[in-house]
Amino acid sequence: MIEPWLTFLSVWALTYALVFGSYLAFGWAFTVWARGRGERKIQPRRDGLKRRDAEIRASARSLVVTCACFAGGLTLATYGVRLFDAASLSWWSAPLMFAASVVLFDAWFYAVHRLAHTAPFKRWHLLHHQSVAPTVWSNYSDTAFDAFTQQGYFLAMPLLTPFPVEVFVVHRVFDHFNGMIGHSGYEVAAGPASRAPWPLASVTFHDMHHATFSTNYANHFSFWDRVFGTIHPDYDRRMAVWEAPAAAPAEALRGRSHS
């Protein structure tokens, strides 16, 4: 009985070191990159970096829970605690399972994120929304409640799906960097695929959520918010303006407060 626990603790410690270490390294690198790109800043009148130190401290705490969810799911699945045998990986099955996991995660994220905005749970989500103008440091600035409900996907899905653990490892790496870029406050993903009729979300998509608090709840895709009527009514127009910056005034391009 001791071996699974040792495996869990080892995976937990390794995951924490890698995630927190890359969070610091990527955050620093992105901050340096962004210094000369003020034209891409979504909320130019707000300085989100004022909260950097507080967000790093909050991230150091919340990642304990995030990495425990990930390590728990992988350990249980590795020791056979799962409903289905792991499917085999191939050149075609691996990307399909990865894509399916991303879609499932987005549905999970939308549901628990909407829940976090309801009265019984909002108090545990307010810490994350102290970052009105999010930065690359804001991604993990969460309470333990947020970390567990959102990243609990990586605890539950290795047990409930036939996806091999390798799929969840790659997905978690993708989610790590996607989340940091998505909170960066700099629009780097503008394009036709990030507005109607296409499903992908942009950096502006989540930035508007932080600025308004009541729209754009999903993570990777905009279609959940479109289906359930929670997309910001100005989102598609803003994305169209980002695609043609030369034809629009700077304030229209970047917006003042997303209100």
Protein backbone atom coordinates (compact mmCIF):
# COMPACT_ATOMS: atom_id res chain seq x y z
CA MET A 1 0.00 0.00 0.00
CA ILE A 2 2.93 2.35 0.54
CA GLU A 3 4.12 2.24 -3.08
CA PRO A 4 1.15 4.14 -4.62
CA TRP A 5 1.53 6.85 -2.01
CA LEU A 6 5.23 7.18 -2.71
CA THR A 7 4.48 7.36 -6.43
CA PHE A 8 1.85 10.04 -5.82
CA LEU A 9 4.16 12.14 -3.64
CA SER A 10 6.99 11.82 -6.15
CA VAL A 11 4.79 12.83 -9.10
CA TRP A 12 3.28 15.65 -7.02
CA ALA A 13 6.67 17.08 -6.05
CA LEU A 14 8.09 16.78 -9.57
CA THR A 15 4.97 18.32 -11.12
CA TYR A 16 5.03 21.23 -8.68
CA ALA A 17 8.70 21.94 -9.35
CA LEU A 18 8.20 21.86 -13.12
CA VAL A 19 4.97 23.87 -13.17
CA PHE A 20 6.01 26.56 -10.70
CA GLY A 21 9.49 26.79 -12.18
CA SER A 22 8.19 27.18 -15.73
CA TYR A 23 5.54 29.63 -14.48
CA LEU A 24 8.31 31.89 -13.15
CA ALA A 25 10.54 31.44 -16.20
CA PHE A 26 7.80 31.94 -18.78
CA GLY A 27 6.31 34.84 -16.83
CA TRP A 28 9.65 36.63 -16.81
CA ALA A 29 10.29 35.90 -20.50
CA PHE A 30 6.83 37.09 -21.54
CA THR A 31 7.18 40.26 -19.47
CA VAL A 32 10.44 41.07 -21.26
CA TRP A 33 8.86 40.31 -24.65
CA ALA A 34 5.85 42.53 -23.91
CA ARG A 35 7.82 45.66 -23.03
CA GLY A 36 8.07 46.85 -26.60
CA ARG A 37 4.59 45.80 -27.66
CA GLY A 38 2.28 48.27 -26.00
CA GLU A 39 0.08 48.37 -29.10
CA ARG A 40 -1.02 44.81 -28.27
CA LYS A 41 -2.05 45.62 -24.69
CA ILE A 42 -5.77 45.07 -24.25
CA GLN A 43 -6.32 47.40 -21.28
CA PRO A 44 -3.63 50.07 -21.71
CA ARG A 45 -4.99 52.32 -18.95
CA ARG A 46 -4.66 49.69 -16.24
CA ASP A 47 -1.40 48.41 -14.80
CA GLY A 48 -2.03 44.79 -13.88
CA LEU A 49 1.62 44.28 -12.96
CA LYS A 50 1.01 46.11 -9.68
CA ARG A 51 -0.40 42.82 -8.40
CA ARG A 52 2.49 40.67 -9.62
CA ASP A 53 4.00 39.81 -6.23
CA ALA A 54 0.62 39.00 -4.68
CA GLU A 55 -0.26 36.83 -7.66
CA ILE A 56 3.00 34.91 -7.47
CA ARG A 57 2.40 34.19 -3.77
CA ALA A 58 -1.18 33.10 -4.45
CA SER A 59 0.02 30.92 -7.33
CA ALA A 60 2.63 29.21 -5.15
CA ARG A 61 -0.21 28.18 -2.80
CA SER A 62 -2.84 27.22 -5.38
CA LEU A 63 -0.41 25.11 -7.38
CA VAL A 64 -0.14 22.75 -4.41
CA VAL A 65 -3.77 21.78 -5.12
CA THR A 66 -3.47 21.94 -8.90
CA CYS A 67 -0.48 19.61 -8.94
CA ALA A 68 -2.09 17.28 -6.40
CA CYS A 69 -5.09 16.83 -8.71
CA PHE A 70 -2.81 16.05 -11.63
CA ALA A 71 -0.57 13.70 -9.65
CA GLY A 72 -3.58 11.95 -8.11
CA GLY A 73 -5.24 11.28 -11.44
CA LEU A 74 -2.07 9.94 -13.03
CA THR A 75 -1.19 7.78 -10.04
CA LEU A 76 -4.64 6.21 -9.74
CA ALA A 77 -4.84 5.54 -13.49
CA THR A 78 -1.33 4.05 -13.50
CA TYR A 79 -2.31 1.63 -10.74
CA GLY A 80 -5.44 0.55 -12.62
CA VAL A 81 -8.08 2.56 -10.77
CA ARG A 82 -10.04 3.45 -13.90
CA LEU A 83 -13.27 2.46 -15.64
CA PHE A 84 -11.65 1.61 -18.98
CA ASP A 85 -8.37 0.14 -20.08
CA ALA A 86 -6.10 2.73 -21.62
CA ALA A 87 -6.45 2.99 -25.39
CA SER A 88 -3.36 2.49 -27.51
CA LEU A 89 -1.53 5.50 -28.88
CA SER A 90 -0.91 5.89 -32.61
CA TRP A 91 -0.24 8.67 -35.08
CA TRP A 92 -3.98 9.21 -35.50
CA SER A 93 -5.43 8.25 -32.10
CA ALA A 94 -3.10 10.45 -30.04
CA PRO A 95 -4.17 13.79 -31.60
CA LEU A 96 -7.83 12.72 -31.59
CA MET A 97 -7.74 11.88 -27.89
CA PHE A 98 -5.87 15.09 -27.14
CA ALA A 99 -8.49 17.13 -29.03
CA ALA A 100 -11.30 15.27 -27.24
CA SER A 101 -9.68 15.97 -23.88
CA VAL A 102 -9.39 19.68 -24.68
CA VAL A 103 -13.09 19.85 -25.61
CA LEU A 104 -14.10 17.91 -22.49
CA PHE A 105 -11.96 20.15 -20.32
CA ASP A 106 -13.55 23.26 -21.79
CA ALA A 107 -17.03 21.92 -21.00
CA TRP A 108 -15.86 21.10 -17.46
CA PHE A 109 -14.25 24.52 -17.08
CA TYR A 110 -17.33 26.37 -18.32
CA ALA A 111 -19.58 24.50 -15.87
CA VAL A 112 -17.45 24.93 -12.75
CA HIS A 113 -16.55 28.51 -13.68
CA ARG A 114 -20.22 29.46 -13.99
CA LEU A 115 -20.78 27.76 -10.64
CA ALA A 116 -17.99 29.83 -9.10
CA HIS A 117 -19.85 32.98 -10.11
CA THR A 118 -23.03 32.02 -8.24
CA ALA A 119 -23.80 33.36 -4.77
CA PRO A 120 -22.85 30.28 -2.70
CA PHE A 121 -19.37 30.04 -4.23
CA LYS A 122 -18.48 33.56 -5.42
CA ARG A 123 -16.50 34.42 -2.28
CA TRP A 124 -13.95 31.71 -3.16
CA HIS A 125 -13.54 33.07 -6.69
CA LEU A 126 -13.12 36.75 -5.86
CA LEU A 127 -9.36 36.41 -5.33
CA HIS A 128 -8.89 35.58 -8.99
CA HIS A 129 -10.97 38.59 -10.00
CA GLN A 130 -8.87 41.02 -8.02
CA SER A 131 -6.84 40.92 -11.24
CA VAL A 132 -9.17 43.20 -13.22
CA ALA A 133 -6.45 43.68 -15.83
CA PRO A 134 -4.86 40.22 -15.83
CA THR A 135 -1.23 39.60 -16.64
CA VAL A 136 0.84 36.54 -17.37
CA TRP A 137 1.21 36.13 -13.58
CA SER A 138 -2.57 35.92 -12.98
CA ASN A 139 -3.31 32.44 -14.28
CA TYR A 140 -2.85 30.57 -10.99
CA SER A 141 -3.84 33.39 -8.63
CA ASP A 142 -6.63 31.26 -7.17
CA THR A 143 -8.03 29.93 -3.95
CA ALA A 144 -7.85 26.21 -3.19
CA PHE A 145 -11.54 26.00 -4.19
CA ASP A 146 -10.85 27.36 -7.67
CA ALA A 147 -7.79 25.19 -8.10
CA PHE A 148 -9.61 22.02 -7.07
CA THR A 149 -12.82 22.58 -9.03
CA GLN A 150 -11.10 23.65 -12.24
CA GLN A 151 -8.09 21.35 -12.19
CA GLY A 152 -10.09 18.48 -10.71
CA TYR A 153 -10.60 17.53 -14.35
CA PHE A 154 -7.11 16.02 -14.31
CA LEU A 155 -8.00 14.01 -11.22
CA ALA A 156 -11.32 12.67 -12.53
CA MET A 157 -10.87 12.14 -16.27
CA PRO A 158 -7.94 9.69 -16.18
CA LEU A 159 -10.31 7.45 -14.18
CA LEU A 160 -13.40 7.97 -16.34
CA THR A 161 -12.03 7.89 -19.89
CA PRO A 162 -9.86 5.47 -21.90
CA PHE A 163 -7.29 8.17 -22.63
CA PRO A 164 -3.73 7.10 -21.70
CA VAL A 165 -1.91 9.14 -19.09
CA GLU A 166 0.41 10.51 -21.80
CA VAL A 167 -2.56 12.38 -23.28
CA PHE A 168 -3.20 14.12 -19.96
CA VAL A 169 0.47 15.00 -19.56
CA VAL A 170 0.52 16.73 -22.95
CA HIS A 171 -2.86 18.35 -22.25
CA ARG A 172 -1.65 19.69 -18.91
CA VAL A 173 1.45 21.21 -20.53
CA PHE A 174 -0.75 22.81 -23.18
CA ASP A 175 -3.19 24.13 -20.56
CA HIS A 176 -0.32 25.56 -18.51
CA PHE A 177 1.07 27.78 -21.26
CA ASN A 178 -2.30 28.49 -22.86
CA GLY A 179 -3.61 29.72 -19.51
CA MET A 180 -0.66 32.00 -18.93
CA ILE A 181 -0.90 33.51 -22.41
CA GLY A 182 -4.68 33.76 -22.05
CA HIS A 183 -4.22 35.88 -18.93
CA SER A 184 -1.34 37.91 -20.33
CA GLY A 185 -3.32 41.02 -21.26
CA TYR A 186 -1.72 41.14 -24.71
CA GLU A 187 -3.68 40.10 -27.79
CA VAL A 188 -1.57 37.57 -29.64
CA ALA A 189 -4.32 35.32 -31.01
CA ALA A 190 -6.47 37.65 -33.10
CA GLY A 191 -7.72 36.16 -36.35
CA PRO A 192 -10.82 34.82 -38.07
CA ALA A 193 -10.66 31.57 -36.05
CA SER A 194 -11.16 33.51 -32.82
CA ARG A 195 -14.53 35.04 -33.73
CA ALA A 196 -17.85 33.93 -35.23
CA PRO A 197 -18.46 31.60 -36.92
CA TRP A 198 -15.28 29.88 -35.72
CA PRO A 199 -15.04 28.44 -32.18
CA LEU A 200 -11.63 29.42 -30.82
CA ALA A 201 -11.24 32.03 -28.08
CA SER A 202 -8.61 34.76 -27.95
CA VAL A 203 -6.73 36.57 -25.20
CA THR A 204 -9.30 39.36 -25.44
CA PHE A 205 -12.04 36.79 -24.75
CA HIS A 206 -10.80 36.03 -21.22
CA ASP A 207 -9.56 39.56 -20.62
CA MET A 208 -13.15 40.76 -21.12
CA HIS A 209 -14.27 38.24 -18.50
CA HIS A 210 -11.92 39.78 -15.94
CA ALA A 211 -13.06 43.28 -16.84
CA THR A 212 -16.80 42.56 -16.76
CA PHE A 213 -17.06 39.55 -14.39
CA SER A 214 -20.27 38.29 -16.01
CA THR A 215 -19.44 37.11 -19.55
CA ASN A 216 -17.05 34.78 -21.41
CA TYR A 217 -16.76 31.91 -18.92
CA ALA A 218 -15.13 29.29 -21.14
CA ASN A 219 -11.43 28.71 -21.63
CA HIS A 220 -10.40 27.50 -25.11
CA PHE A 221 -13.61 27.99 -27.11
CA SER A 222 -16.34 30.59 -27.43
CA PHE A 223 -19.15 28.22 -28.43
CA TRP A 224 -20.20 27.31 -24.87
CA ASP A 225 -20.84 30.98 -24.14
CA ARG A 226 -22.62 31.41 -27.46
CA VAL A 227 -24.89 28.43 -26.77
CA PHE A 228 -25.76 29.52 -23.23
CA GLY A 229 -25.99 33.24 -23.97
CA THR A 230 -23.08 34.40 -21.83
CA ILE A 231 -20.75 35.77 -24.49
CA HIS A 232 -19.91 39.47 -24.30
CA PRO A 233 -22.09 41.20 -26.94
CA ASP A 234 -19.14 43.25 -28.18
CA TYR A 235 -16.64 40.41 -28.43
CA ASP A 236 -16.84 39.65 -32.16
CA ARG A 237 -16.65 43.33 -33.10
CA ARG A 238 -13.57 43.80 -30.96
CA MET A 239 -11.90 40.83 -32.59
CA ALA A 240 -12.68 42.16 -36.06
CA VAL A 241 -11.04 45.46 -35.09
CA TRP A 242 -7.92 43.65 -33.84
CA GLU A 243 -7.59 42.09 -37.29
CA ALA A 244 -7.44 45.50 -38.97
CA PRO A 245 -5.56 47.78 -36.55
CA ALA A 246 -4.53 50.26 -39.22
CA ALA A 247 -8.16 51.02 -39.95
CA ALA A 248 -9.22 51.74 -36.35
CA PRO A 249 -8.35 54.27 -33.65
CA ALA A 250 -6.17 52.91 -30.86
CA GLU A 251 -8.87 53.29 -28.21
CA ALA A 252 -11.37 51.33 -30.31
CA LEU A 253 -8.71 48.70 -30.93
CA ARG A 254 -7.80 48.12 -27.32
CA GLY A 255 -10.90 49.28 -25.46
CA ARG A 256 -11.01 51.17 -22.21
CA SER A 257 -12.52 48.79 -19.70
CA HIS A 258 -14.48 46.20 -21.70
CA SER A 259 -17.66 47.48 -20.11
